[in-house]
Amino acid sequence: MQPIAASELIINDRGAIYHLDVRPEEIAPTIITVGDPDRVREVSKHFDRFEHRSHHREFVTHTGYIGNKRISVVSTGIGTDNIDIILNELDALVNIDFETRLIKEQHTTLTIIRVGTSGSLQQDISVDELVVSSHGLGIDNLLNFYQSQQSDDEIQLLHSFTTHTQMHQSISQPYINRASTALLKHFTEGFKQGITVTCPGFYGPQGRVLRLGLKNPQLINRLTDFRFGPHRITNFEMETAGIYGLGKLLGHHCLSLSAIVANRISKEFSKKGQATVEGLIQKTLQIVAGI
């Protein structure tokens, strides 16, 4: 095995990985990711004590404890391009020896839970409700750059999805992955559950029209109407499928939790989104601390 080159695994002068600016000992095995850098402190304010804080670009990391549970909170910024950075660098921190630049023989599995906001695609999932993603279905193309395999069930679901939505390859080649069943079982009470679609943008890719026309103007309706056996699409956002896909390939337990701040069917936007997110944070930390 050859050491990983300096151009591929970039380590700065203090021995920290390039984008996160975090050293291996500064990250916990349980990690909560948030999109907004300012939301890191909204999570870490609940820590009983702090161990580490860092801030580099849009990536803010706080590590501390709730009781005896060691937890890190990391901001990702928006989109699966940033998720590509975050998931690979978090994995490198625990599964690559920074001294030798060799992959460790013993694999370390991280628990990674996204706590974010999302838009509902179903009339019965109102603003200020909470959704846990049973699957992440990506129309952003990130996982298509990696060697990955889909199960027969996933292939059938994707075929049905592309046929129903008319999502041709000129726009996207969708992919799908399940949530960690080991985590999902803890997040049932108080959560709606379903497929979360991950988009590569906020406006056109999510069917919003300002001054530009859309190539697939019926996308929202087709996402809402999609059914595959017991499965339906509950919501969409911009990170979940990347987390689930890379997490699966890297061997980590991943889950995505969303506070619904918009309902795209009823055209509503939450008037108390911050309070809803705070409620999700508290609920998540209570569950995580007990796992």
C-alpha atoms as a PDB file:
ATOM      1  CA  MET A   1       0.000   0.000   0.000  1.00  0.00           C
ATOM      2  CA  GLN A   2       1.375   3.393  -1.011  1.00  0.00           C
ATOM      3  CA  PRO A   3       1.026   6.463   1.237  1.00  0.00           C
ATOM      4  CA  ILE A   4      -1.675   8.900   0.088  1.00  0.00           C
ATOM      5  CA  ALA A   5      -0.025  11.831  -1.690  1.00  0.00           C
ATOM      6  CA  ALA A   6       0.091  15.302  -0.173  1.00  0.00           C
ATOM      7  CA  SER A   7      -2.005  16.653  -3.044  1.00  0.00           C
ATOM      8  CA  GLU A   8      -4.808  14.151  -2.294  1.00  0.00           C
ATOM      9  CA  LEU A   9      -4.883  14.231   1.513  1.00  0.00           C
ATOM     10  CA  ILE A  10      -4.062  17.825   2.401  1.00  0.00           C
ATOM     11  CA  ILE A  11      -2.856  18.307   5.980  1.00  0.00           C
ATOM     12  CA  ASN A  12      -1.990  21.788   7.230  1.00  0.00           C
ATOM     13  CA  ASP A  13       0.919  22.921   9.394  1.00  0.00           C
ATOM     14  CA  ARG A  14      -0.827  22.063  12.666  1.00  0.00           C
ATOM     15  CA  GLY A  15      -1.642  18.542  11.512  1.00  0.00           C
ATOM     16  CA  ALA A  16      -5.292  19.286  10.711  1.00  0.00           C
ATOM     17  CA  ILE A  17      -7.209  18.273   7.606  1.00  0.00           C
ATOM     18  CA  TYR A  18      -7.441  21.035   5.012  1.00  0.00           C
ATOM     19  CA  HIS A  19     -11.041  22.294   4.841  1.00  0.00           C
ATOM     20  CA  LEU A  20     -12.317  21.447   8.322  1.00  0.00           C
ATOM     21  CA  ASP A  21      -9.043  22.483  10.022  1.00  0.00           C
ATOM     22  CA  VAL A  22      -9.611  19.693  12.548  1.00  0.00           C
ATOM     23  CA  ARG A  23      -7.083  17.210  13.939  1.00  0.00           C
ATOM     24  CA  PRO A  24      -8.056  13.545  14.483  1.00  0.00           C
ATOM     25  CA  GLU A  25      -8.250  13.908  18.260  1.00  0.00           C
ATOM     26  CA  GLU A  26     -10.576  16.922  17.940  1.00  0.00           C
ATOM     27  CA  ILE A  27     -13.519  15.043  16.412  1.00  0.00           C
ATOM     28  CA  ALA A  28     -16.005  12.838  18.273  1.00  0.00           C
ATOM     29  CA  PRO A  29     -17.393   9.506  17.011  1.00  0.00           C
ATOM     30  CA  THR A  30     -20.917  10.974  17.083  1.00  0.00           C
ATOM     31  CA  ILE A  31     -21.329  13.948  14.754  1.00  0.00           C
ATOM     32  CA  ILE A  32     -24.258  16.255  14.109  1.00  0.00           C
ATOM     33  CA  THR A  33     -24.078  18.160  10.836  1.00  0.00           C
ATOM     34  CA  VAL A  34     -25.911  21.426  10.194  1.00  0.00           C
ATOM     35  CA  GLY A  35     -25.906  23.509   7.037  1.00  0.00           C
ATOM     36  CA  ASP A  36     -25.770  26.953   8.630  1.00  0.00           C
ATOM     37  CA  PRO A  37     -22.482  27.796  10.416  1.00  0.00           C
ATOM     38  CA  ASP A  38     -24.439  29.881  12.933  1.00  0.00           C
ATOM     39  CA  ARG A  39     -26.508  26.824  13.834  1.00  0.00           C
ATOM     40  CA  VAL A  40     -23.456  25.084  15.312  1.00  0.00           C
ATOM     41  CA  ARG A  41     -23.629  27.221  18.432  1.00  0.00           C
ATOM     42  CA  GLU A  42     -27.398  26.669  18.595  1.00  0.00           C
ATOM     43  CA  VAL A  43     -26.589  22.980  19.050  1.00  0.00           C
ATOM     44  CA  SER A  44     -23.459  23.284  21.175  1.00  0.00           C
ATOM     45  CA  LYS A  45     -25.103  25.696  23.641  1.00  0.00           C
ATOM     46  CA  HIS A  46     -26.671  22.546  25.064  1.00  0.00           C
ATOM     47  CA  PHE A  47     -23.248  20.972  25.780  1.00  0.00           C
ATOM     48  CA  ASP A  48     -22.341  20.474  29.415  1.00  0.00           C
ATOM     49  CA  ARG A  49     -18.703  21.210  28.594  1.00  0.00           C
ATOM     50  CA  PHE A  50     -16.545  22.027  25.580  1.00  0.00           C
ATOM     51  CA  GLU A  51     -13.387  20.325  24.377  1.00  0.00           C
ATOM     52  CA  HIS A  52     -12.643  21.985  21.016  1.00  0.00           C
ATOM     53  CA  ARG A  53     -13.854  24.833  18.786  1.00  0.00           C
ATOM     54  CA  SER A  54     -12.626  25.792  15.327  1.00  0.00           C
ATOM     55  CA  HIS A  55     -13.796  27.877  12.373  1.00  0.00           C
ATOM     56  CA  HIS A  56     -12.377  27.720   8.836  1.00  0.00           C
ATOM     57  CA  ARG A  57     -14.321  29.140   5.893  1.00  0.00           C
ATOM     58  CA  GLU A  58     -17.950  27.957   6.250  1.00  0.00           C
ATOM     59  CA  PHE A  59     -16.865  24.963   8.326  1.00  0.00           C
ATOM     60  CA  VAL A  60     -17.414  25.440  12.066  1.00  0.00           C
ATOM     61  CA  THR A  61     -16.671  22.558  14.437  1.00  0.00           C
ATOM     62  CA  HIS A  62     -17.533  22.321  18.147  1.00  0.00           C
ATOM     63  CA  THR A  63     -16.725  19.191  20.154  1.00  0.00           C
ATOM     64  CA  GLY A  64     -17.939  18.631  23.679  1.00  0.00           C
ATOM     65  CA  TYR A  65     -20.041  16.523  26.000  1.00  0.00           C
ATOM     66  CA  ILE A  66     -23.656  16.042  26.993  1.00  0.00           C
ATOM     67  CA  GLY A  67     -23.278  14.025  30.153  1.00  0.00           C
ATOM     68  CA  ASN A  68     -20.777  11.316  29.227  1.00  0.00           C
ATOM     69  CA  LYS A  69     -21.636  11.447  25.503  1.00  0.00           C
ATOM     70  CA  ARG A  70     -18.905  13.003  23.363  1.00  0.00           C
ATOM     71  CA  ILE A  71     -20.405  14.834  20.383  1.00  0.00           C
ATOM     72  CA  SER A  72     -19.127  17.036  17.573  1.00  0.00           C
ATOM     73  CA  VAL A  73     -21.242  19.545  15.666  1.00  0.00           C
ATOM     74  CA  VAL A  74     -19.994  20.473  12.196  1.00  0.00           C
ATOM     75  CA  SER A  75     -21.427  22.958   9.707  1.00  0.00           C
ATOM     76  CA  THR A  76     -21.443  21.789   6.107  1.00  0.00           C
ATOM     77  CA  GLY A  77     -22.676  24.799   4.206  1.00  0.00           C
ATOM     78  CA  ILE A  78     -25.283  24.167   1.511  1.00  0.00           C
ATOM     79  CA  GLY A  79     -25.239  21.432  -1.115  1.00  0.00           C
ATOM     80  CA  THR A  80     -23.734  18.031  -1.846  1.00  0.00           C
ATOM     81  CA  ASP A  81     -20.506  19.586  -3.168  1.00  0.00           C
ATOM     82  CA  ASN A  82     -19.794  20.520   0.440  1.00  0.00           C
ATOM     83  CA  ILE A  83     -21.043  17.136   1.661  1.00  0.00           C
ATOM     84  CA  ASP A  84     -18.361  15.554  -0.544  1.00  0.00           C
ATOM     85  CA  ILE A  85     -15.763  17.525   1.423  1.00  0.00           C
ATOM     86  CA  ILE A  86     -17.291  16.931   4.847  1.00  0.00           C
ATOM     87  CA  LEU A  87     -17.885  13.171   4.587  1.00  0.00           C
ATOM     88  CA  ASN A  88     -14.480  12.427   3.067  1.00  0.00           C
ATOM     89  CA  GLU A  89     -12.629  14.577   5.603  1.00  0.00           C
ATOM     90  CA  LEU A  90     -14.538  13.226   8.609  1.00  0.00           C
ATOM     91  CA  ASP A  91     -13.772   9.701   7.429  1.00  0.00           C
ATOM     92  CA  ALA A  92     -10.114  10.558   6.869  1.00  0.00           C
ATOM     93  CA  LEU A  93      -9.826  11.881  10.428  1.00  0.00           C
ATOM     94  CA  VAL A  94     -10.682   8.471  11.881  1.00  0.00           C
ATOM     95  CA  ASN A  95      -9.627   5.989   9.192  1.00  0.00           C
ATOM     96  CA  ILE A  96      -6.335   7.353   7.836  1.00  0.00           C
ATOM     97  CA  ASP A  97      -3.116   7.624   9.840  1.00  0.00           C
ATOM     98  CA  PHE A  98      -1.980  11.224   9.379  1.00  0.00           C
ATOM     99  CA  GLU A  99       1.638  10.343  10.209  1.00  0.00           C
ATOM    100  CA  THR A 100       2.084   7.523   7.687  1.00  0.00           C
ATOM    101  CA  ARG A 101      -0.692   8.622   5.274  1.00  0.00           C
ATOM    102  CA  LEU A 102      -1.851   5.009   5.170  1.00  0.00           C
ATOM    103  CA  ILE A 103      -5.393   3.701   5.589  1.00  0.00           C
ATOM    104  CA  LYS A 104      -5.752   2.146   9.031  1.00  0.00           C
ATOM    105  CA  GLU A 105      -6.254  -1.602   9.213  1.00  0.00           C
ATOM    106  CA  GLN A 106      -9.067  -1.249  11.740  1.00  0.00           C
ATOM    107  CA  HIS A 107     -12.076   0.677  10.461  1.00  0.00           C
ATOM    108  CA  THR A 108     -13.831   3.217  12.708  1.00  0.00           C
ATOM    109  CA  THR A 109     -17.547   3.733  12.146  1.00  0.00           C
ATOM    110  CA  LEU A 110     -18.936   7.210  12.752  1.00  0.00           C
ATOM    111  CA  THR A 111     -22.493   8.160  13.637  1.00  0.00           C
ATOM    112  CA  ILE A 112     -23.487  11.133  11.479  1.00  0.00           C
ATOM    113  CA  ILE A 113     -26.859  12.853  11.916  1.00  0.00           C
ATOM    114  CA  ARG A 114     -27.950  15.777   9.774  1.00  0.00           C
ATOM    115  CA  VAL A 115     -30.197  18.313  11.527  1.00  0.00           C
ATOM    116  CA  GLY A 116     -31.585  20.752   8.999  1.00  0.00           C
ATOM    117  CA  THR A 117     -34.546  22.375   7.304  1.00  0.00           C
ATOM    118  CA  SER A 118     -36.585  21.169   4.369  1.00  0.00           C
ATOM    119  CA  GLY A 119     -39.630  21.739   2.200  1.00  0.00           C
ATOM    120  CA  SER A 120     -42.619  19.395   2.366  1.00  0.00           C
ATOM    121  CA  LEU A 121     -43.984  17.855  -0.816  1.00  0.00           C
ATOM    122  CA  GLN A 122     -47.148  16.448   0.750  1.00  0.00           C
ATOM    123  CA  GLN A 123     -50.306  18.269   1.814  1.00  0.00           C
ATOM    124  CA  ASP A 124     -50.496  16.262   5.053  1.00  0.00           C
ATOM    125  CA  ILE A 125     -46.961  17.184   6.191  1.00  0.00           C
ATOM    126  CA  SER A 126     -47.418  20.712   7.464  1.00  0.00           C
ATOM    127  CA  VAL A 127     -44.916  23.420   8.218  1.00  0.00           C
ATOM    128  CA  ASP A 128     -43.254  23.015  11.622  1.00  0.00           C
ATOM    129  CA  GLU A 129     -43.531  19.217  11.556  1.00  0.00           C
ATOM    130  CA  LEU A 130     -40.463  16.949  11.681  1.00  0.00           C
ATOM    131  CA  VAL A 131     -39.393  14.428   9.042  1.00  0.00           C
ATOM    132  CA  VAL A 132     -36.872  11.600   9.245  1.00  0.00           C
ATOM    133  CA  SER A 133     -35.537  10.426   5.884  1.00  0.00           C
ATOM    134  CA  SER A 134     -35.943   6.691   5.301  1.00  0.00           C
ATOM    135  CA  HIS A 135     -34.065   7.138   1.996  1.00  0.00           C
ATOM    136  CA  GLY A 136     -32.034   9.831   0.322  1.00  0.00           C
ATOM    137  CA  LEU A 137     -32.778  10.080  -3.409  1.00  0.00           C
ATOM    138  CA  GLY A 138     -30.238  12.263  -5.167  1.00  0.00           C
ATOM    139  CA  ILE A 139     -30.818  14.195  -8.392  1.00  0.00           C
ATOM    140  CA  ASP A 140     -27.539  16.069  -7.842  1.00  0.00           C
ATOM    141  CA  ASN A 141     -25.157  13.511  -9.473  1.00  0.00           C
ATOM    142  CA  LEU A 142     -22.533  13.416  -6.654  1.00  0.00           C
ATOM    143  CA  LEU A 143     -22.566   9.635  -6.178  1.00  0.00           C
ATOM    144  CA  ASN A 144     -22.169   9.093  -9.920  1.00  0.00           C
ATOM    145  CA  PHE A 145     -18.513  10.100  -9.531  1.00  0.00           C
ATOM    146  CA  TYR A 146     -17.894   7.127  -7.203  1.00  0.00           C
ATOM    147  CA  GLN A 147     -17.944   3.379  -7.672  1.00  0.00           C
ATOM    148  CA  SER A 148     -21.179   2.264  -6.084  1.00  0.00           C
ATOM    149  CA  GLN A 149     -23.834  -0.394  -6.474  1.00  0.00           C
ATOM    150  CA  GLN A 150     -27.593  -0.262  -6.049  1.00  0.00           C
ATOM    151  CA  SER A 151     -29.679  -3.180  -4.790  1.00  0.00           C
ATOM    152  CA  ASP A 152     -32.361  -4.691  -7.013  1.00  0.00           C
ATOM    153  CA  ASP A 153     -35.050  -2.890  -5.005  1.00  0.00           C
ATOM    154  CA  GLU A 154     -33.220   0.417  -5.398  1.00  0.00           C
ATOM    155  CA  ILE A 155     -32.800  -0.114  -9.140  1.00  0.00           C
ATOM    156  CA  GLN A 156     -36.523  -0.817  -9.508  1.00  0.00           C
ATOM    157  CA  LEU A 157     -37.428   2.231  -7.430  1.00  0.00           C
ATOM    158  CA  LEU A 158     -35.117   4.473  -9.474  1.00  0.00           C
ATOM    159  CA  HIS A 159     -36.504   3.162 -12.758  1.00  0.00           C
ATOM    160  CA  SER A 160     -40.039   3.885 -11.573  1.00  0.00           C
ATOM    161  CA  PHE A 161     -38.936   7.330 -10.356  1.00  0.00           C
ATOM    162  CA  THR A 162     -37.243   8.386 -13.611  1.00  0.00           C
ATOM    163  CA  THR A 163     -40.187   7.134 -15.673  1.00  0.00           C
ATOM    164  CA  HIS A 164     -42.727   8.933 -13.493  1.00  0.00           C
ATOM    165  CA  THR A 165     -40.831  12.225 -13.185  1.00  0.00           C
ATOM    166  CA  GLN A 166     -39.426  12.171 -16.733  1.00  0.00           C
ATOM    167  CA  MET A 167     -36.041  12.893 -15.146  1.00  0.00           C
ATOM    168  CA  HIS A 168     -33.908  12.206 -18.211  1.00  0.00           C
ATOM    169  CA  GLN A 169     -30.133  11.797 -18.118  1.00  0.00           C
ATOM    170  CA  SER A 170     -29.679  15.198 -19.746  1.00  0.00           C
ATOM    171  CA  ILE A 171     -30.623  16.577 -16.306  1.00  0.00           C
ATOM    172  CA  SER A 172     -29.642  13.894 -13.822  1.00  0.00           C
ATOM    173  CA  GLN A 173     -28.929  10.227 -13.241  1.00  0.00           C
ATOM    174  CA  PRO A 174     -30.642   9.688  -9.878  1.00  0.00           C
ATOM    175  CA  TYR A 175     -29.296   7.476  -7.084  1.00  0.00           C
ATOM    176  CA  ILE A 176     -30.790   6.298  -3.814  1.00  0.00           C
ATOM    177  CA  ASN A 177     -29.605   4.924  -0.470  1.00  0.00           C
ATOM    178  CA  ARG A 178     -31.305   3.934   2.760  1.00  0.00           C
ATOM    179  CA  ALA A 179     -30.861   5.493   6.160  1.00  0.00           C
ATOM    180  CA  SER A 180     -29.017   3.567   8.855  1.00  0.00           C
ATOM    181  CA  THR A 181     -31.593   1.200  10.325  1.00  0.00           C
ATOM    182  CA  ALA A 182     -29.605   1.211  13.573  1.00  0.00           C
ATOM    183  CA  LEU A 183     -30.306   4.950  13.905  1.00  0.00           C
ATOM    184  CA  LEU A 184     -33.726   5.140  12.253  1.00  0.00           C
ATOM    185  CA  LYS A 185     -35.335   2.946  14.914  1.00  0.00           C
ATOM    186  CA  HIS A 186     -34.618   5.610  17.552  1.00  0.00           C
ATOM    187  CA  PHE A 187     -36.368   8.393  15.622  1.00  0.00           C
ATOM    188  CA  THR A 188     -39.988   7.313  15.219  1.00  0.00           C
ATOM    189  CA  GLU A 189     -42.099   9.183  17.761  1.00  0.00           C
ATOM    190  CA  GLY A 190     -42.854  12.718  16.593  1.00  0.00           C
ATOM    191  CA  PHE A 191     -41.430  12.222  13.092  1.00  0.00           C
ATOM    192  CA  LYS A 192     -43.067  11.662   9.699  1.00  0.00           C
ATOM    193  CA  GLN A 193     -41.018   9.264   7.570  1.00  0.00           C
ATOM    194  CA  GLY A 194     -40.393   9.003   3.853  1.00  0.00           C
ATOM    195  CA  ILE A 195     -38.056   9.485   0.901  1.00  0.00           C
ATOM    196  CA  THR A 196     -36.144  12.758   0.820  1.00  0.00           C
ATOM    197  CA  VAL A 197     -35.078  14.068  -2.587  1.00  0.00           C
ATOM    198  CA  THR A 198     -31.785  15.957  -2.672  1.00  0.00           C
ATOM    199  CA  CYS A 199     -31.541  18.700  -5.292  1.00  0.00           C
ATOM    200  CA  PRO A 200     -28.464  20.480  -6.752  1.00  0.00           C
ATOM    201  CA  GLY A 201     -29.972  23.934  -6.219  1.00  0.00           C
ATOM    202  CA  PHE A 202     -32.713  25.941  -4.499  1.00  0.00           C
ATOM    203  CA  TYR A 203     -34.549  27.613  -7.364  1.00  0.00           C
ATOM    204  CA  GLY A 204     -34.873  25.793 -10.706  1.00  0.00           C
ATOM    205  CA  PRO A 205     -33.893  22.358  -9.328  1.00  0.00           C
ATOM    206  CA  GLN A 206     -36.658  22.726  -6.724  1.00  0.00           C
ATOM    207  CA  GLY A 207     -39.210  23.993  -9.221  1.00  0.00           C
ATOM    208  CA  ARG A 208     -39.141  27.660  -8.189  1.00  0.00           C
ATOM    209  CA  VAL A 209     -39.772  30.256 -10.868  1.00  0.00           C
ATOM    210  CA  LEU A 210     -38.502  33.815 -10.545  1.00  0.00           C
ATOM    211  CA  ARG A 211     -37.336  35.113 -13.948  1.00  0.00           C
ATOM    212  CA  LEU A 212     -36.265  31.863 -15.615  1.00  0.00           C
ATOM    213  CA  GLY A 213     -38.422  29.181 -17.186  1.00  0.00           C
ATOM    214  CA  LEU A 214     -38.092  25.528 -16.157  1.00  0.00           C
ATOM    215  CA  LYS A 215     -37.168  22.560 -18.320  1.00  0.00           C
ATOM    216  CA  ASN A 216     -39.432  20.283 -16.264  1.00  0.00           C
ATOM    217  CA  PRO A 217     -42.241  22.557 -14.977  1.00  0.00           C
ATOM    218  CA  GLN A 218     -44.262  19.585 -13.674  1.00  0.00           C
ATOM    219  CA  LEU A 219     -41.454  18.318 -11.434  1.00  0.00           C
ATOM    220  CA  ILE A 220     -43.083  19.294  -8.110  1.00  0.00           C
ATOM    221  CA  ASN A 221     -46.353  17.588  -9.005  1.00  0.00           C
ATOM    222  CA  ARG A 222     -44.556  14.464 -10.179  1.00  0.00           C
ATOM    223  CA  LEU A 223     -42.474  14.257  -7.009  1.00  0.00           C
ATOM    224  CA  THR A 224     -45.603  14.653  -4.897  1.00  0.00           C
ATOM    225  CA  ASP A 225     -47.523  12.004  -6.832  1.00  0.00           C
ATOM    226  CA  PHE A 226     -44.727   9.419  -6.926  1.00  0.00           C
ATOM    227  CA  ARG A 227     -45.435   6.104  -5.191  1.00  0.00           C
ATOM    228  CA  PHE A 228     -43.444   2.876  -5.090  1.00  0.00           C
ATOM    229  CA  GLY A 229     -45.081   0.241  -2.933  1.00  0.00           C
ATOM    230  CA  PRO A 230     -45.331   1.744   0.566  1.00  0.00           C
ATOM    231  CA  HIS A 231     -42.880   4.534  -0.263  1.00  0.00           C
ATOM    232  CA  ARG A 232     -43.577   8.151  -1.139  1.00  0.00           C
ATOM    233  CA  ILE A 233     -41.499  11.318  -1.381  1.00  0.00           C
ATOM    234  CA  THR A 234     -42.114  13.455   1.699  1.00  0.00           C
ATOM    235  CA  ASN A 235     -39.724  16.366   1.254  1.00  0.00           C
ATOM    236  CA  PHE A 236     -36.694  17.753  -0.542  1.00  0.00           C
ATOM    237  CA  GLU A 237     -33.544  19.655   0.383  1.00  0.00           C
ATOM    238  CA  MET A 238     -29.866  19.771  -0.683  1.00  0.00           C
ATOM    239  CA  GLU A 239     -27.678  17.374   1.370  1.00  0.00           C
ATOM    240  CA  THR A 240     -29.342  14.127   2.518  1.00  0.00           C
ATOM    241  CA  ALA A 241     -28.687  11.830  -0.457  1.00  0.00           C
ATOM    242  CA  GLY A 242     -24.998  12.790  -0.490  1.00  0.00           C
ATOM    243  CA  ILE A 243     -24.685  11.992   3.217  1.00  0.00           C
ATOM    244  CA  TYR A 244     -26.461   8.658   2.841  1.00  0.00           C
ATOM    245  CA  GLY A 245     -24.557   7.673  -0.293  1.00  0.00           C
ATOM    246  CA  LEU A 246     -21.053   8.550   0.873  1.00  0.00           C
ATOM    247  CA  GLY A 247     -21.807   7.342   4.388  1.00  0.00           C
ATOM    248  CA  LYS A 248     -22.781   3.932   3.047  1.00  0.00           C
ATOM    249  CA  LEU A 249     -19.674   3.680   0.847  1.00  0.00           C
ATOM    250  CA  LEU A 250     -17.399   4.739   3.713  1.00  0.00           C
ATOM    251  CA  GLY A 251     -19.067   2.462   6.266  1.00  0.00           C
ATOM    252  CA  HIS A 252     -20.736   4.979   8.581  1.00  0.00           C
ATOM    253  CA  HIS A 253     -24.190   5.166  10.195  1.00  0.00           C
ATOM    254  CA  CYS A 254     -26.082   8.155   8.773  1.00  0.00           C
ATOM    255  CA  LEU A 255     -29.475   9.722   9.365  1.00  0.00           C
ATOM    256  CA  SER A 256     -31.137  12.947   8.210  1.00  0.00           C
ATOM    257  CA  LEU A 257     -33.694  14.871  10.267  1.00  0.00           C
ATOM    258  CA  SER A 258     -35.584  17.864   8.905  1.00  0.00           C
ATOM    259  CA  ALA A 259     -37.696  20.647  10.342  1.00  0.00           C
ATOM    260  CA  ILE A 260     -40.315  21.470   7.714  1.00  0.00           C
ATOM    261  CA  VAL A 261     -40.223  25.222   7.108  1.00  0.00           C
ATOM    262  CA  ALA A 262     -42.133  25.291   3.803  1.00  0.00           C
ATOM    263  CA  ASN A 263     -44.987  23.353   2.249  1.00  0.00           C
ATOM    264  CA  ARG A 264     -44.723  23.534  -1.526  1.00  0.00           C
ATOM    265  CA  ILE A 265     -48.238  22.211  -2.066  1.00  0.00           C
ATOM    266  CA  SER A 266     -50.095  24.661   0.189  1.00  0.00           C
ATOM    267  CA  LYS A 267     -47.551  27.421  -0.620  1.00  0.00           C
ATOM    268  CA  GLU A 268     -46.942  28.103   3.075  1.00  0.00           C
ATOM    269  CA  PHE A 269     -43.749  29.150   4.845  1.00  0.00           C
ATOM    270  CA  SER A 270     -43.243  28.746   8.588  1.00  0.00           C
ATOM    271  CA  LYS A 271     -43.753  31.758  10.834  1.00  0.00           C
ATOM    272  CA  LYS A 272     -41.853  30.088  13.680  1.00  0.00           C
ATOM    273  CA  GLY A 273     -39.080  28.251  11.854  1.00  0.00           C
ATOM    274  CA  GLN A 274     -36.382  29.094  14.386  1.00  0.00           C
ATOM    275  CA  ALA A 275     -38.457  27.659  17.244  1.00  0.00           C
ATOM    276  CA  THR A 276     -39.172  24.527  15.207  1.00  0.00           C
ATOM    277  CA  VAL A 277     -35.469  24.021  14.511  1.00  0.00           C
ATOM    278  CA  GLU A 278     -34.672  24.547  18.204  1.00  0.00           C
ATOM    279  CA  GLY A 279     -37.235  21.901  19.090  1.00  0.00           C
ATOM    280  CA  LEU A 280     -35.632  19.499  16.605  1.00  0.00           C
ATOM    281  CA  ILE A 281     -32.183  20.186  18.050  1.00  0.00           C
ATOM    282  CA  GLN A 282     -33.327  19.492  21.611  1.00  0.00           C
ATOM    283  CA  LYS A 283     -35.192  16.333  20.596  1.00  0.00           C
ATOM    284  CA  THR A 284     -32.194  15.070  18.620  1.00  0.00           C
ATOM    285  CA  LEU A 285     -29.707  15.679  21.412  1.00  0.00           C
ATOM    286  CA  GLN A 286     -31.958  13.977  23.959  1.00  0.00           C
ATOM    287  CA  ILE A 287     -32.179  10.870  21.772  1.00  0.00           C
ATOM    288  CA  VAL A 288     -28.508  10.883  20.783  1.00  0.00           C
ATOM    289  CA  ALA A 289     -27.336  11.239  24.369  1.00  0.00           C
ATOM    290  CA  GLY A 290     -29.231   8.062  25.224  1.00  0.00           C
ATOM    291  CA  ILE A 291     -27.983   5.910  22.353  1.00  0.00           C
END
